[in-house]
Protein backbone atom coordinates (compact mmCIF):
# COMPACT_ATOMS: atom_id res chain seq x y z
CA GLN A 1 -25.22 60.68 15.14
CA PRO A 2 -27.35 57.66 16.19
CA ILE A 3 -24.16 55.68 16.77
CA LEU A 4 -22.66 58.37 18.98
CA SER A 5 -25.83 58.62 21.05
CA LEU A 6 -25.91 54.84 21.41
CA LEU A 7 -22.38 54.77 22.74
CA ARG A 8 -23.11 57.65 25.10
CA PHE A 9 -26.23 56.12 26.59
CA ASP A 10 -25.36 52.44 26.50
CA GLU A 11 -21.72 52.04 27.46
CA LYS A 12 -23.06 49.87 30.27
CA LEU A 13 -24.96 47.58 27.90
CA TYR A 14 -21.89 46.84 25.77
CA SER A 15 -19.25 47.13 28.51
CA ARG A 16 -17.97 43.54 28.25
CA GLN A 17 -17.99 43.64 24.47
CA LEU A 18 -16.15 46.96 24.33
CA TYR A 19 -13.41 45.43 26.46
CA VAL A 20 -12.88 42.77 23.77
CA MET A 21 -13.67 44.69 20.57
CA GLY A 22 -12.58 48.21 21.41
CA HIS A 23 -14.52 51.38 20.63
CA GLU A 24 -13.42 51.75 17.00
CA ALA A 25 -14.36 48.17 16.04
CA GLN A 26 -17.66 48.55 17.88
CA ARG A 27 -18.45 51.75 15.94
CA ARG A 28 -17.82 49.99 12.64
CA MET A 29 -20.04 47.14 13.69
CA MET A 30 -22.86 49.42 14.71
CA ALA A 31 -22.77 51.06 11.29
CA SER A 32 -23.10 47.70 9.47
CA ARG A 33 -26.09 46.01 7.88
CA ALA A 34 -26.59 42.26 7.49
CA LEU A 35 -28.85 40.09 5.35
CA LEU A 36 -29.66 36.68 6.82
CA VAL A 37 -31.17 34.05 4.53
CA GLY A 38 -32.63 31.09 6.43
CA LEU A 39 -34.39 31.06 9.83
CA SER A 40 -34.25 27.45 10.87
CA GLY A 41 -32.17 26.66 13.97
CA LEU A 42 -28.80 27.89 12.66
CA GLY A 43 -30.29 31.10 11.29
CA ALA A 44 -32.00 31.85 14.61
CA GLU A 45 -28.69 31.43 16.44
CA VAL A 46 -26.82 33.71 14.03
CA ALA A 47 -29.55 36.35 14.19
CA LYS A 48 -29.60 36.24 17.99
CA ASN A 49 -25.82 36.63 18.23
CA CYS A 50 -25.64 39.51 15.74
CA ILE A 51 -28.53 41.38 17.37
CA LEU A 52 -27.06 41.02 20.86
CA ALA A 53 -23.71 42.28 19.53
CA GLY A 54 -25.40 45.45 18.28
CA ILE A 55 -25.05 45.68 14.51
CA SER A 56 -27.05 48.52 12.94
CA SER A 57 -29.69 46.38 11.19
CA ILE A 58 -30.45 42.87 10.08
CA THR A 59 -32.86 41.82 7.34
CA LEU A 60 -34.38 38.35 7.65
CA CYS A 61 -35.33 36.36 4.55
CA ASP A 62 -37.00 32.95 4.73
CA PRO A 63 -40.47 32.40 3.21
CA SER A 64 -40.33 28.65 4.01
CA GLU A 65 -42.94 26.81 6.05
CA VAL A 66 -42.19 25.70 9.60
CA THR A 67 -41.50 21.95 9.92
CA SER A 68 -41.06 19.75 12.97
CA TYR A 69 -37.32 19.64 12.27
CA ASP A 70 -37.12 23.41 12.91
CA LEU A 71 -38.49 22.98 16.44
CA GLY A 72 -35.33 21.13 17.45
CA ALA A 73 -33.20 24.27 17.37
CA ASN A 74 -35.21 27.43 16.67
CA PHE A 75 -36.08 28.68 20.16
CA TYR A 76 -38.73 31.08 18.85
CA LEU A 77 -40.85 28.44 17.10
CA SER A 78 -43.36 26.08 18.72
CA GLU A 79 -45.75 23.30 17.75
CA SER A 80 -48.46 25.90 17.10
CA ASP A 81 -46.35 27.30 14.24
CA LEU A 82 -46.16 24.03 12.28
CA GLY A 83 -47.21 24.49 8.69
CA LYS A 84 -47.19 28.28 8.85
CA ALA A 85 -45.36 30.08 6.05
CA ASN A 86 -42.48 32.54 6.40
CA ARG A 87 -40.20 31.50 9.25
CA ALA A 88 -38.57 34.94 9.13
CA ALA A 89 -41.83 36.80 9.83
CA ILE A 90 -42.76 34.43 12.66
CA CYS A 91 -39.41 34.97 14.45
CA ARG A 92 -38.99 38.69 13.75
CA ASP A 93 -40.76 40.17 16.79
CA LYS A 94 -39.04 37.92 19.34
CA LEU A 95 -35.63 38.59 17.80
CA ALA A 96 -36.28 42.35 17.84
CA GLU A 97 -36.88 42.19 21.61
CA LEU A 98 -33.24 41.18 22.14
CA ASN A 99 -31.87 44.67 21.44
CA GLN A 100 -33.97 47.80 21.04
CA TYR A 101 -31.15 49.56 19.16
CA VAL A 102 -30.99 47.06 16.28
CA ASN A 103 -33.44 47.39 13.40
CA VAL A 104 -34.84 43.96 12.55
CA ASP A 105 -36.97 43.68 9.43
CA VAL A 106 -38.24 41.00 7.07
CA ALA A 107 -37.49 40.89 3.34
CA LYS A 108 -40.57 41.45 1.20
CA ASP A 109 -41.47 40.18 -2.25
CA VAL A 110 -39.35 36.99 -1.99
CA ALA A 111 -41.83 34.15 -2.44
CA THR A 112 -39.34 31.28 -2.71
CA LEU A 113 -35.60 30.68 -2.40
CA GLY A 114 -35.11 28.87 -5.70
CA GLU A 115 -33.36 29.94 -8.90
CA GLU A 116 -36.64 31.48 -10.11
CA SER A 117 -36.31 34.11 -7.34
CA GLU A 118 -32.70 35.00 -8.11
CA GLU A 119 -33.49 38.57 -9.16
CA ASP A 120 -35.55 39.22 -6.01
CA VAL A 121 -32.86 37.81 -3.72
CA LEU A 122 -30.05 39.71 -5.43
CA GLY A 123 -32.04 42.92 -5.05
CA LEU A 124 -31.73 42.58 -1.26
CA LEU A 125 -27.92 42.75 -1.33
CA ASP A 126 -27.53 46.45 -2.13
CA GLY A 127 -26.19 48.38 0.85
CA MET A 128 -25.40 45.27 2.89
CA SER A 129 -22.11 44.83 4.75
CA VAL A 130 -22.43 41.06 5.07
CA VAL A 131 -24.71 38.36 3.66
CA VAL A 132 -25.23 35.13 5.62
CA ILE A 133 -26.96 32.03 4.20
CA THR A 134 -27.86 29.23 6.61
CA ILE A 135 -30.05 26.87 4.55
CA PRO A 136 -29.35 24.82 1.40
CA LEU A 137 -29.78 26.80 -1.81
CA PRO A 138 -29.21 25.81 -5.45
CA THR A 139 -25.52 26.05 -6.33
CA ALA A 140 -26.19 28.45 -9.20
CA LEU A 141 -28.04 30.82 -6.84
CA LEU A 142 -25.18 30.64 -4.31
CA HIS A 143 -22.71 31.57 -7.05
CA ALA A 144 -24.89 34.49 -8.13
CA ILE A 145 -25.21 35.80 -4.56
CA ASN A 146 -21.45 35.45 -3.98
CA ASP A 147 -20.68 37.29 -7.23
CA LYS A 148 -23.10 40.11 -6.33
CA CYS A 149 -21.47 40.37 -2.88
CA ARG A 150 -18.15 40.97 -4.62
CA VAL A 151 -19.72 43.73 -6.71
CA VAL A 152 -21.37 45.58 -3.80
CA GLY A 153 -18.47 45.02 -1.37
CA ALA A 154 -20.35 42.72 1.03
CA SER A 155 -18.81 39.77 2.82
CA PHE A 156 -20.34 36.38 1.94
CA ILE A 157 -20.89 33.60 4.52
CA TYR A 158 -22.56 30.26 3.79
CA SER A 159 -23.12 27.78 6.60
CA LEU A 160 -25.09 24.57 7.05
CA THR A 161 -25.79 22.13 9.88
CA THR A 162 -26.93 18.65 8.89
CA GLY A 163 -27.28 16.36 11.88
CA VAL A 164 -23.94 16.20 13.70
CA PHE A 165 -22.07 17.64 10.70
CA GLY A 166 -21.61 21.27 9.72
CA GLN A 167 -19.77 23.58 7.36
CA ILE A 168 -18.91 27.26 7.10
CA PHE A 169 -17.62 29.12 4.05
CA CYS A 170 -16.35 32.70 4.07
CA ASP A 171 -15.46 35.02 1.19
CA PHE A 172 -14.69 38.54 2.39
CA GLY A 173 -13.45 39.79 -0.99
CA ALA A 174 -10.20 40.13 -2.89
CA GLU A 175 -8.72 42.64 -0.42
CA PHE A 176 -10.08 42.50 3.11
CA ILE A 177 -8.18 44.55 5.68
CA VAL A 178 -7.87 43.13 9.18
CA SER A 179 -6.95 45.93 11.57
CA ASP A 180 -5.94 43.56 14.38
CA LYS A 181 -5.47 39.90 13.50
CA ASP A 182 -5.77 38.44 17.01
CA GLY A 183 -7.09 41.14 19.36
CA GLU A 184 -4.34 40.45 21.88
CA ASN A 185 -2.30 43.13 23.63
CA PRO A 186 1.07 43.70 21.90
CA ALA A 187 3.54 41.00 22.94
CA THR A 188 6.39 42.15 25.19
CA SER A 189 9.61 40.38 26.18
CA GLN A 190 12.97 41.04 27.79
CA VAL A 191 16.19 40.61 25.86
CA GLU A 192 18.59 37.96 27.07
CA SER A 193 20.97 38.55 24.17
CA VAL A 194 21.16 39.91 20.64
CA ILE A 195 23.92 38.19 18.69
CA PRO A 196 25.75 40.49 16.24
CA ALA A 197 25.25 38.46 13.06
CA ASN A 198 23.68 38.79 9.61
CA PRO A 199 20.80 38.75 10.20
CA ALA A 200 20.81 39.66 13.90
CA VAL A 201 19.53 36.89 16.22
CA VAL A 202 17.51 37.79 19.32
CA LYS A 203 17.00 35.52 22.33
CA VAL A 204 14.49 36.43 25.03
CA LEU A 205 14.56 35.54 28.73
CA GLU A 206 12.91 32.14 29.04
CA ASP A 207 11.65 32.76 32.57
CA GLN A 208 9.51 35.58 31.17
CA GLY A 209 7.71 33.18 28.81
CA ARG A 210 7.62 32.75 25.03
CA HIS A 211 8.01 35.83 22.86
CA GLY A 212 4.61 35.21 21.21
CA LEU A 213 5.73 36.55 17.82
CA GLU A 214 5.09 35.18 14.34
CA THR A 215 7.09 35.58 11.16
CA GLY A 216 6.14 38.89 9.57
CA ASP A 217 5.44 40.69 12.85
CA CYS A 218 7.18 43.97 13.64
CA VAL A 219 8.85 44.97 16.91
CA THR A 220 10.59 47.90 18.54
CA PHE A 221 13.43 47.85 21.06
CA SER A 222 14.07 50.06 24.08
CA ARG A 223 16.83 50.37 26.69
CA VAL A 224 19.09 48.05 24.75
CA ARG A 225 22.59 47.87 26.20
CA GLY A 226 25.37 46.89 23.79
CA LEU A 227 25.64 46.49 19.98
CA ASP A 228 27.41 49.85 19.81
CA GLY A 229 24.02 51.57 20.08
CA ALA A 230 22.69 49.98 16.86
CA LEU A 231 19.26 49.36 18.46
CA GLY A 232 19.15 52.64 20.33
CA ASP A 233 16.26 54.18 18.34
CA SER A 234 13.13 53.08 20.21
CA SER A 235 10.82 54.33 17.42
CA LYS A 236 12.36 52.22 14.67
CA GLN A 237 10.47 49.06 13.67
CA TYR A 238 12.07 45.74 12.69
CA GLU A 239 10.49 42.79 10.87
CA VAL A 240 10.70 39.44 12.63
CA LYS A 241 11.35 35.91 11.42
CA ALA A 242 10.40 33.51 14.22
CA THR A 243 12.94 30.68 14.64
CA GLY A 244 11.70 29.24 17.95
CA PRO A 245 9.57 30.04 21.01
CA PHE A 246 12.40 32.08 22.56
CA THR A 247 14.39 33.20 19.49
CA PHE A 248 13.83 35.20 16.32
CA GLU A 249 15.82 36.94 13.59
CA LEU A 250 15.58 40.58 12.54
CA VAL A 251 14.96 40.38 8.80
CA GLY A 252 17.48 42.32 6.71
CA LEU A 253 19.39 43.72 9.69
CA ASP A 254 23.14 43.09 9.50
CA LEU A 255 24.80 43.64 12.88
CA SER A 256 27.85 41.51 12.18
CA GLY A 257 30.07 44.58 12.40
CA CYS A 258 29.16 45.38 16.00
CA SER A 259 31.91 44.89 18.59
CA GLU A 260 29.72 43.36 21.32
CA PRO A 261 26.35 41.63 21.71
CA ALA A 262 23.40 43.12 23.53
CA THR A 263 22.69 41.72 26.98
CA GLN A 264 19.76 43.81 28.12
CA GLY A 265 16.69 45.51 26.69
CA TYR A 266 12.96 45.33 26.10
CA ILE A 267 10.96 44.20 23.05
CA THR A 268 7.46 45.40 22.13
CA GLN A 269 5.36 44.10 19.27
CA VAL A 270 3.89 46.70 16.89
CA LYS A 271 0.44 45.68 15.66
CA GLN A 272 0.08 46.00 11.87
CA PRO A 273 -3.01 45.81 9.63
CA VAL A 274 -3.13 42.67 7.48
CA THR A 275 -4.69 42.41 4.01
CA MET A 276 -6.32 39.07 3.26
CA SER A 277 -7.32 37.84 -0.20
CA PHE A 278 -10.24 35.41 -0.42
CA ARG A 279 -11.43 33.15 -3.22
CA THR A 280 -15.07 32.80 -4.31
CA TYR A 281 -17.35 29.92 -3.41
CA LYS A 282 -17.18 28.63 -6.97
CA GLU A 283 -13.38 28.60 -6.94
CA CYS A 284 -13.17 26.89 -3.54
CA LEU A 285 -15.75 24.25 -4.45
CA GLU A 286 -13.47 23.05 -7.25
CA ASP A 287 -10.24 23.45 -5.27
CA PRO A 288 -10.71 24.09 -1.53
CA GLY A 289 -6.99 24.55 -0.92
CA GLU A 290 -5.73 24.22 2.64
CA LEU A 291 -8.65 23.56 5.00
CA MET A 292 -8.80 24.76 8.59
CA MET A 293 -8.76 21.98 11.19
CA SER A 294 -11.45 21.70 13.84
CA ASP A 295 -10.11 18.47 15.37
CA PHE A 296 -6.48 17.47 14.99
CA ALA A 297 -7.41 13.84 15.71
CA LYS A 298 -9.28 13.88 12.37
CA PHE A 299 -6.62 15.26 10.05
CA ASP A 300 -8.24 13.80 6.91
CA ARG A 301 -11.85 14.65 7.85
CA PRO A 302 -12.13 18.16 6.27
CA GLN A 303 -11.35 16.85 2.78
CA LEU A 304 -13.87 14.02 3.20
CA LEU A 305 -16.62 16.37 4.42
CA HIS A 306 -15.92 18.74 1.52
CA LEU A 307 -16.55 15.83 -0.85
CA ALA A 308 -19.62 14.72 1.12
CA TYR A 309 -21.25 18.16 1.05
CA ARG A 310 -20.65 18.44 -2.70
CA ALA A 311 -22.42 15.08 -3.10
CA MET A 312 -25.27 16.23 -0.84
CA ALA A 313 -25.73 19.37 -2.95
CA ALA A 314 -25.86 17.31 -6.13
CA TYR A 315 -28.42 14.95 -4.57
CA ALA A 316 -30.60 17.84 -3.37
CA GLU A 317 -30.65 19.51 -6.77
CA LYS A 318 -31.91 16.27 -8.31
CA ASN A 319 -34.64 15.99 -5.64
CA SER A 320 -36.27 19.45 -5.51
CA MET A 321 -33.71 20.70 -2.94
CA GLN A 322 -34.73 18.01 -0.46
CA TYR A 323 -32.22 15.99 1.54
CA PRO A 324 -32.74 12.23 2.21
CA ASN A 325 -35.32 11.12 4.78
CA PRO A 326 -33.97 9.80 8.12
CA GLY A 327 -32.84 6.20 7.92
CA ASP A 328 -33.33 5.99 4.13
CA ALA A 329 -30.49 3.58 3.33
CA ALA A 330 -31.17 3.71 -0.42
CA ALA A 331 -30.94 7.50 -0.52
CA ALA A 332 -27.80 7.43 1.64
CA GLY A 333 -26.31 4.93 -0.80
CA GLU A 334 -27.19 7.25 -3.69
CA VAL A 335 -25.33 10.12 -1.98
CA LEU A 336 -22.34 7.79 -1.52
CA ASP A 337 -22.44 6.86 -5.21
CA ILE A 338 -22.45 10.54 -6.19
CA ALA A 339 -19.47 11.12 -3.89
CA LYS A 340 -17.58 8.26 -5.55
CA SER A 341 -18.30 9.69 -9.00
CA ILE A 342 -16.76 13.08 -8.14
CA ASP A 343 -13.95 11.73 -5.93
CA GLU A 344 -11.05 13.08 -7.98
CA ASP A 345 -8.62 12.81 -5.04
CA LYS A 346 -9.51 9.14 -4.40
CA LEU A 347 -10.50 9.84 -0.79
CA LEU A 348 -12.88 6.89 -0.76
CA GLU A 349 -10.32 4.36 -1.97
CA ASN A 350 -8.20 4.25 1.18
CA ASP A 351 -10.06 3.35 4.38
CA SER A 352 -13.24 3.27 2.32
CA GLU A 353 -15.48 1.68 4.98
CA LYS A 354 -14.89 4.46 7.52
CA ALA A 355 -15.29 7.14 4.86
CA ALA A 356 -18.50 5.54 3.56
CA ARG A 357 -19.87 5.42 7.12
CA ILE A 358 -19.36 9.19 7.48
CA ILE A 359 -21.11 9.98 4.20
CA LYS A 360 -24.04 7.65 4.91
CA HIS A 361 -24.57 9.08 8.40
CA LEU A 362 -24.40 12.64 7.05
CA ALA A 363 -27.02 11.77 4.42
CA SER A 364 -29.30 9.92 6.85
CA GLY A 365 -29.38 12.75 9.40
CA SER A 366 -29.17 15.63 6.95
CA ARG A 367 -32.70 16.95 7.57
CA SER A 368 -32.06 17.11 11.30
CA VAL A 369 -31.49 20.51 12.93
CA LEU A 370 -29.80 19.85 16.28
CA SER A 371 -29.68 22.56 18.91
CA PRO A 372 -26.08 21.92 20.10
CA MET A 373 -24.77 21.95 16.53
CA CYS A 374 -26.67 25.15 15.74
CA ALA A 375 -25.36 26.77 18.92
CA ASN A 376 -21.79 25.82 18.04
CA LEU A 377 -21.87 26.79 14.36
CA GLY A 378 -24.10 29.80 15.10
CA GLY A 379 -21.55 31.12 17.57
CA ILE A 380 -18.74 30.76 15.04
CA VAL A 381 -20.76 32.32 12.21
CA GLY A 382 -21.85 35.15 14.50
CA GLN A 383 -18.20 35.83 15.27
CA GLU A 384 -17.39 35.82 11.54
CA VAL A 385 -20.13 38.42 11.00
CA LEU A 386 -18.54 40.62 13.67
CA LYS A 387 -15.15 40.19 11.98
CA ALA A 388 -16.63 41.17 8.62
CA CYS A 389 -18.27 44.27 10.09
CA SER A 390 -15.51 45.42 12.43
CA GLY A 391 -12.33 44.35 10.63
CA LYS A 392 -11.01 42.93 13.89
CA PHE A 393 -9.69 39.35 14.32
CA SER A 394 -8.68 37.02 11.47
CA PRO A 395 -11.66 35.46 9.67
CA ILE A 396 -12.02 31.90 8.40
CA LYS A 397 -10.50 31.75 4.94
CA GLY A 398 -12.57 29.50 2.69
CA PHE A 399 -14.13 26.35 4.13
CA PHE A 400 -14.35 25.15 7.73
CA PHE A 401 -15.91 21.80 8.64
CA PHE A 402 -17.00 20.43 12.01
CA ASP A 403 -18.47 17.11 13.07
CA ALA A 404 -19.34 15.12 16.17
CA ASP A 405 -19.59 11.67 14.59
CA GLU A 406 -18.37 10.15 17.88
CA CYS A 407 -22.02 10.43 18.97
CA LEU A 408 -23.19 8.10 16.20
CA PRO A 409 -23.40 4.30 16.06
CA ASP A 410 -21.29 2.30 13.62
CA GLU A 411 -24.25 1.47 11.41
CA LEU A 412 -27.35 3.43 10.45
CA LEU A 413 -30.18 2.93 12.94
CA PRO A 414 -33.25 1.03 11.66
CA SER A 415 -35.68 3.25 9.80
CA ALA A 416 -38.42 2.57 12.38
CA GLU A 417 -36.15 3.81 15.19
CA VAL A 418 -35.49 7.16 13.44
CA ALA A 419 -38.93 7.61 11.88
CA VAL A 420 -40.35 11.05 12.67
CA SER A 421 -43.95 12.02 13.32
CA GLY A 422 -43.84 15.42 11.65
CA LYS A 423 -45.44 16.92 14.76
CA SER A 424 -42.91 16.48 17.58
CA ARG A 425 -40.38 19.11 18.68
CA TYR A 426 -37.93 16.23 19.13
CA ASP A 427 -38.08 14.96 15.52
CA SER A 428 -34.62 16.32 14.70
CA GLN A 429 -33.02 14.37 17.54
CA ILE A 430 -35.00 11.21 16.86
CA ALA A 431 -33.87 11.40 13.21
CA VAL A 432 -30.23 11.16 14.29
CA PHE A 433 -30.12 9.36 17.64
CA GLY A 434 -33.36 7.38 17.64
CA LYS A 435 -36.39 7.17 19.90
CA GLU A 436 -34.66 5.21 22.67
CA MET A 437 -31.99 7.87 23.15
CA GLN A 438 -34.61 10.63 23.16
CA ALA A 439 -36.48 8.86 25.94
CA LYS A 440 -33.29 8.81 28.03
CA LEU A 441 -32.74 12.54 27.49
CA LEU A 442 -36.28 13.32 28.61
CA ASP A 443 -35.77 11.54 31.94
CA LEU A 444 -32.38 13.06 32.82
CA ASN A 445 -31.92 14.92 36.12
CA TYR A 446 -29.21 17.59 35.91
CA PHE A 447 -27.85 20.41 38.04
CA ILE A 448 -26.66 23.68 36.45
CA VAL A 449 -24.44 25.81 38.66
CA GLY A 450 -24.61 29.37 37.28
CA ALA A 451 -27.21 31.17 35.17
CA GLY A 452 -25.01 33.66 33.33
CA ALA A 453 -24.03 33.60 29.65
CA ILE A 454 -23.11 29.91 29.53
CA GLY A 455 -25.94 28.92 31.86
CA CYS A 456 -28.52 30.65 29.64
CA GLU A 457 -27.19 28.95 26.52
CA MET A 458 -27.15 25.57 28.23
CA LEU A 459 -30.72 25.95 29.49
CA LYS A 460 -31.88 26.95 26.02
CA ASN A 461 -30.20 23.90 24.48
CA TRP A 462 -31.66 21.57 27.07
CA ALA A 463 -35.17 22.97 26.63
CA LEU A 464 -34.94 22.33 22.89
CA MET A 465 -33.41 18.87 23.39
CA GLY A 466 -35.98 17.89 25.99
CA VAL A 467 -33.53 17.35 28.86
CA GLY A 468 -35.50 17.14 32.10
CA CYS A 469 -38.80 17.25 30.21
CA GLY A 470 -39.94 13.67 30.78
CA GLU A 471 -41.99 12.15 33.56
CA LYS A 472 -38.89 11.33 35.62
CA GLY A 473 -36.71 14.25 34.46
CA HIS A 474 -35.85 17.44 36.32
CA ILE A 475 -33.44 20.38 36.09
CA HIS A 476 -32.02 22.25 39.09
CA ILE A 477 -30.32 25.62 38.57
CA THR A 478 -28.72 27.94 41.09
CA ASP A 479 -27.25 31.44 40.89
CA MET A 480 -27.19 33.99 43.69
CA ASP A 481 -26.70 36.99 41.34
CA ARG A 482 -29.30 39.43 40.09
CA ILE A 483 -29.57 40.65 36.51
CA GLU A 484 -27.63 43.79 35.54
CA LYS A 485 -27.86 45.81 32.35
CA SER A 486 -24.42 44.66 31.18
CA ASN A 487 -25.73 41.07 31.20
CA LEU A 488 -28.27 41.77 28.45
CA SER A 489 -25.73 41.85 25.60
CA ARG A 490 -24.81 38.16 26.06
CA GLN A 491 -27.37 36.48 28.35
CA PHE A 492 -30.23 36.28 25.91
CA LEU A 493 -32.88 34.87 28.25
CA PHE A 494 -33.03 38.24 30.03
CA ARG A 495 -34.71 41.52 29.02
CA ASN A 496 -34.67 45.10 30.29
CA SER A 497 -37.76 44.40 32.37
CA ASP A 498 -35.84 41.65 34.20
CA ILE A 499 -33.11 43.93 35.62
CA ASN A 500 -32.64 43.36 39.38
CA GLU A 501 -34.49 40.03 39.22
CA PHE A 502 -32.70 36.81 40.17
CA LYS A 503 -30.92 35.21 37.22
CA SER A 504 -31.85 31.64 38.11
CA THR A 505 -35.59 32.33 38.44
CA THR A 506 -35.78 34.40 35.26
CA ALA A 507 -33.75 31.89 33.23
CA ALA A 508 -35.94 29.02 34.46
CA GLN A 509 -39.11 30.87 33.40
CA ALA A 510 -37.66 31.62 29.96
CA ALA A 511 -36.65 27.98 29.44
CA GLN A 512 -40.15 26.82 30.39
CA TRP A 513 -41.60 29.27 27.88
CA MET A 514 -39.50 27.55 25.18
CA ASN A 515 -40.57 24.11 26.34
CA PRO A 516 -43.51 24.01 28.77
CA SER A 517 -42.71 20.35 29.52
CA MET A 518 -39.43 21.23 31.25
CA LYS A 519 -39.47 20.59 35.01
CA ILE A 520 -37.06 23.02 36.63
CA THR A 521 -36.34 24.31 40.12
CA PRO A 522 -34.37 27.57 40.58
CA TYR A 523 -32.24 28.36 43.66
CA GLN A 524 -30.45 31.51 44.78
CA GLU A 525 -27.77 29.72 46.79
CA LYS A 526 -24.01 29.56 46.46
CA VAL A 527 -22.70 26.02 46.04
CA GLY A 528 -20.14 25.52 48.79
CA GLY A 529 -19.51 24.18 52.25
CA ASN A 530 -22.11 26.51 53.76
CA THR A 531 -24.95 25.09 51.64
CA GLU A 532 -24.29 21.37 51.96
CA HIS A 533 -27.51 21.10 53.95
CA ILE A 534 -29.27 22.00 50.64
CA PHE A 535 -26.92 20.42 48.12
CA GLY A 536 -25.97 17.33 50.11
CA ASP A 537 -26.26 13.56 49.90
CA ASP A 538 -30.00 13.46 49.22
CA PHE A 539 -29.67 16.08 46.48
CA TYR A 540 -26.74 14.52 44.61
CA ASP A 541 -28.20 11.02 44.88
CA LYS A 542 -31.15 12.13 42.73
CA ILE A 543 -29.23 13.73 39.86
CA ASP A 544 -27.41 12.25 36.87
CA GLY A 545 -24.75 14.95 36.41
CA VAL A 546 -23.63 18.53 36.96
CA CYS A 547 -23.00 21.33 34.48
CA THR A 548 -20.84 24.20 35.70
CA ALA A 549 -21.38 27.68 34.29
CA LEU A 550 -19.23 29.49 36.84
CA ASP A 551 -17.02 32.54 36.74
CA ASN A 552 -14.31 31.59 39.26
CA VAL A 553 -11.84 28.77 39.81
CA GLU A 554 -12.55 28.27 43.51
CA ALA A 555 -16.19 27.34 42.91
CA ARG A 556 -15.20 25.03 40.03
CA LEU A 557 -12.74 23.18 42.27
CA TYR A 558 -15.40 22.69 44.94
CA VAL A 559 -17.97 21.32 42.47
CA ASP A 560 -15.26 19.15 40.92
CA GLN A 561 -14.60 17.53 44.30
CA ARG A 562 -18.33 17.00 44.91
CA CYS A 563 -18.68 15.27 41.54
CA LEU A 564 -15.69 13.04 42.26
CA PHE A 565 -17.12 12.12 45.66
CA TYR A 566 -20.58 11.29 44.30
CA ARG A 567 -19.19 9.81 41.06
CA LEU A 568 -21.17 12.17 38.85
CA PRO A 569 -20.09 13.46 35.42
CA MET A 570 -19.26 17.17 35.29
CA LEU A 571 -19.62 19.30 32.16
CA GLU A 572 -17.21 22.21 32.59
CA SER A 573 -16.83 25.24 30.32
CA GLY A 574 -15.64 28.82 30.46
CA THR A 575 -15.08 31.87 28.27
CA LEU A 576 -12.66 34.78 28.25
CA GLY A 577 -13.36 37.32 25.55
CA THR A 578 -13.28 35.45 22.24
CA LYS A 579 -11.68 32.40 23.82
CA GLY A 580 -13.41 29.43 25.36
CA ASN A 581 -12.81 25.96 26.73
CA THR A 582 -14.80 22.86 27.54
CA GLN A 583 -13.95 19.79 29.60
CA VAL A 584 -16.02 16.66 30.14
CA VAL A 585 -15.15 14.99 33.44
CA VAL A 586 -16.20 11.41 34.08
CA PRO A 587 -14.98 10.32 37.54
CA HIS A 588 -12.31 7.59 37.49
CA LEU A 589 -12.32 7.58 33.69
CA THR A 590 -11.06 11.02 32.64
CA GLU A 591 -8.86 13.63 34.28
CA ASN A 592 -10.84 15.77 36.70
CA TYR A 593 -10.86 19.57 36.62
CA GLY A 594 -8.62 20.02 39.65
CA ALA A 595 -5.97 17.55 38.45
CA THR A 596 -4.09 20.26 36.56
CA ARG A 597 -3.65 23.99 36.99
CA ASP A 598 -3.12 26.66 34.36
CA PRO A 599 0.40 28.09 34.11
CA PRO A 600 0.85 31.51 35.73
CA GLU A 601 -0.01 34.52 33.59
CA LYS A 602 2.89 36.36 31.98
CA SER A 603 3.23 39.67 33.81
CA ILE A 604 5.43 42.73 33.91
CA PRO A 605 8.22 42.53 36.50
CA VAL A 606 7.43 44.70 39.52
CA CYS A 607 10.69 46.60 39.12
CA THR A 608 9.84 47.49 35.52
CA LEU A 609 6.35 48.57 36.51
CA LYS A 610 7.71 50.89 39.21
CA VAL A 611 10.39 52.42 36.97
CA SER A 612 7.98 53.12 34.13
């Protein structure tokens, strides 16, 4: 009954999400309960995403004290919270404000998150749909939680961010049913020919685009001409074996006896539920199997990071669950030695210098909690939670690793350069990039065009990073739109009380609340030819770059040309449902946004649309 009333009264709140998830998946999600262990930066991101999406309830568990590292990514912690116990309790009220329909509570009677509290932690799992862990825990406790999840039927997710490196592990049980593996509309194509063979071979019209089918998919045919009527039953389903982008076979269908091929007809994919079988964390630690790629330019990186994280876990368990201090070369060397001792696949023998560099950098920056990494991994983990609760979209199977080591120098920075004060909100960034780089970030001048979902996330990241927060730094943000109720489910800087206010002004105020040092000027102007008296030569001469958070191509093309003219870098990104893209444009060095255009969308022929 509460779910039905929620849908009736708040279709507008979840309108964009319903378009992607569908009503049935949304209902399942809103009947689900989550347990979140860990409220540092990554945990805050996961909690925020799950609450905005509208799960039924989320229980927060983290009795740990707030450290300066947490301030680098947890947007609900400040310097005044340093040293206070129970990060979960401190963040609870602010997280609850994000969605009045989600019950947010804090786990009681869990004093620590060590093996001595195993019974207390396991007691929290009863009745949960999904359990998410976002901080390092003893391996034995992780195994116990994973095993209990299997018993109670809860999905298990374990994720960490350590500097510019991160991992996600998912175990959704022995038999997890995915109702819709990709969320796309059923693929449709037109028949060019069906060759009467054993098995039958289908070729689609190439000018209508690829068939979009995978081996194992099922299809139906309609209005097929030829083949002696063998494909005349439009309700009958056929299994597909994909043989190319425009061809596929019909598994087990022998049409070799037909007198003529088919030369016309229509193909429609039939969506089928898929059952996935997962392995436990313990099993995948020993043998990770095939690992998902996050960057195809680093084909051997997932295996190396799997080894590195195993070594980090072993080091932590020998040092009271503490990772190495920033710049501690001896501790980084110890982690490398542990990795060598468990390197059964000899990953460190070939190209050992590059591999050793990765492991040492991971160890040196492992205490760091970086806002961009938490935003990235938190978005992915949040999506995995929605998959676990709704049964829609294919989840990550086993381990997933991500890194941005391109940001790092070849050698570890001197210990004095990465030494942290224990009191600064920028300690996490100093621990990885050093004090000199942090000073440059503070004095940056940037222009954000758009204060919607991406604009809000970018402002939040910059406030935590300190962009525009120095003596010479400044942020400019413009958006001519006002806040609507449908914005609240994904633009987390806004609240119900902000409806009808300007997005840019409200977002700027929220960012300054997170970091009072941020200097920011909001505008309510469209960026275009009509406003070049505002955003003209004098304006662009004073900024270091532009970040676009726009919702249309025309505006992107205009800003792209401005950035080319003024030789400014442009950070471009966009989303469409569960899909997203990013592009970094550096004038005269990389391809600019307007240099290429997307191919036209596949559409139904007008004649077909009229006939049907």
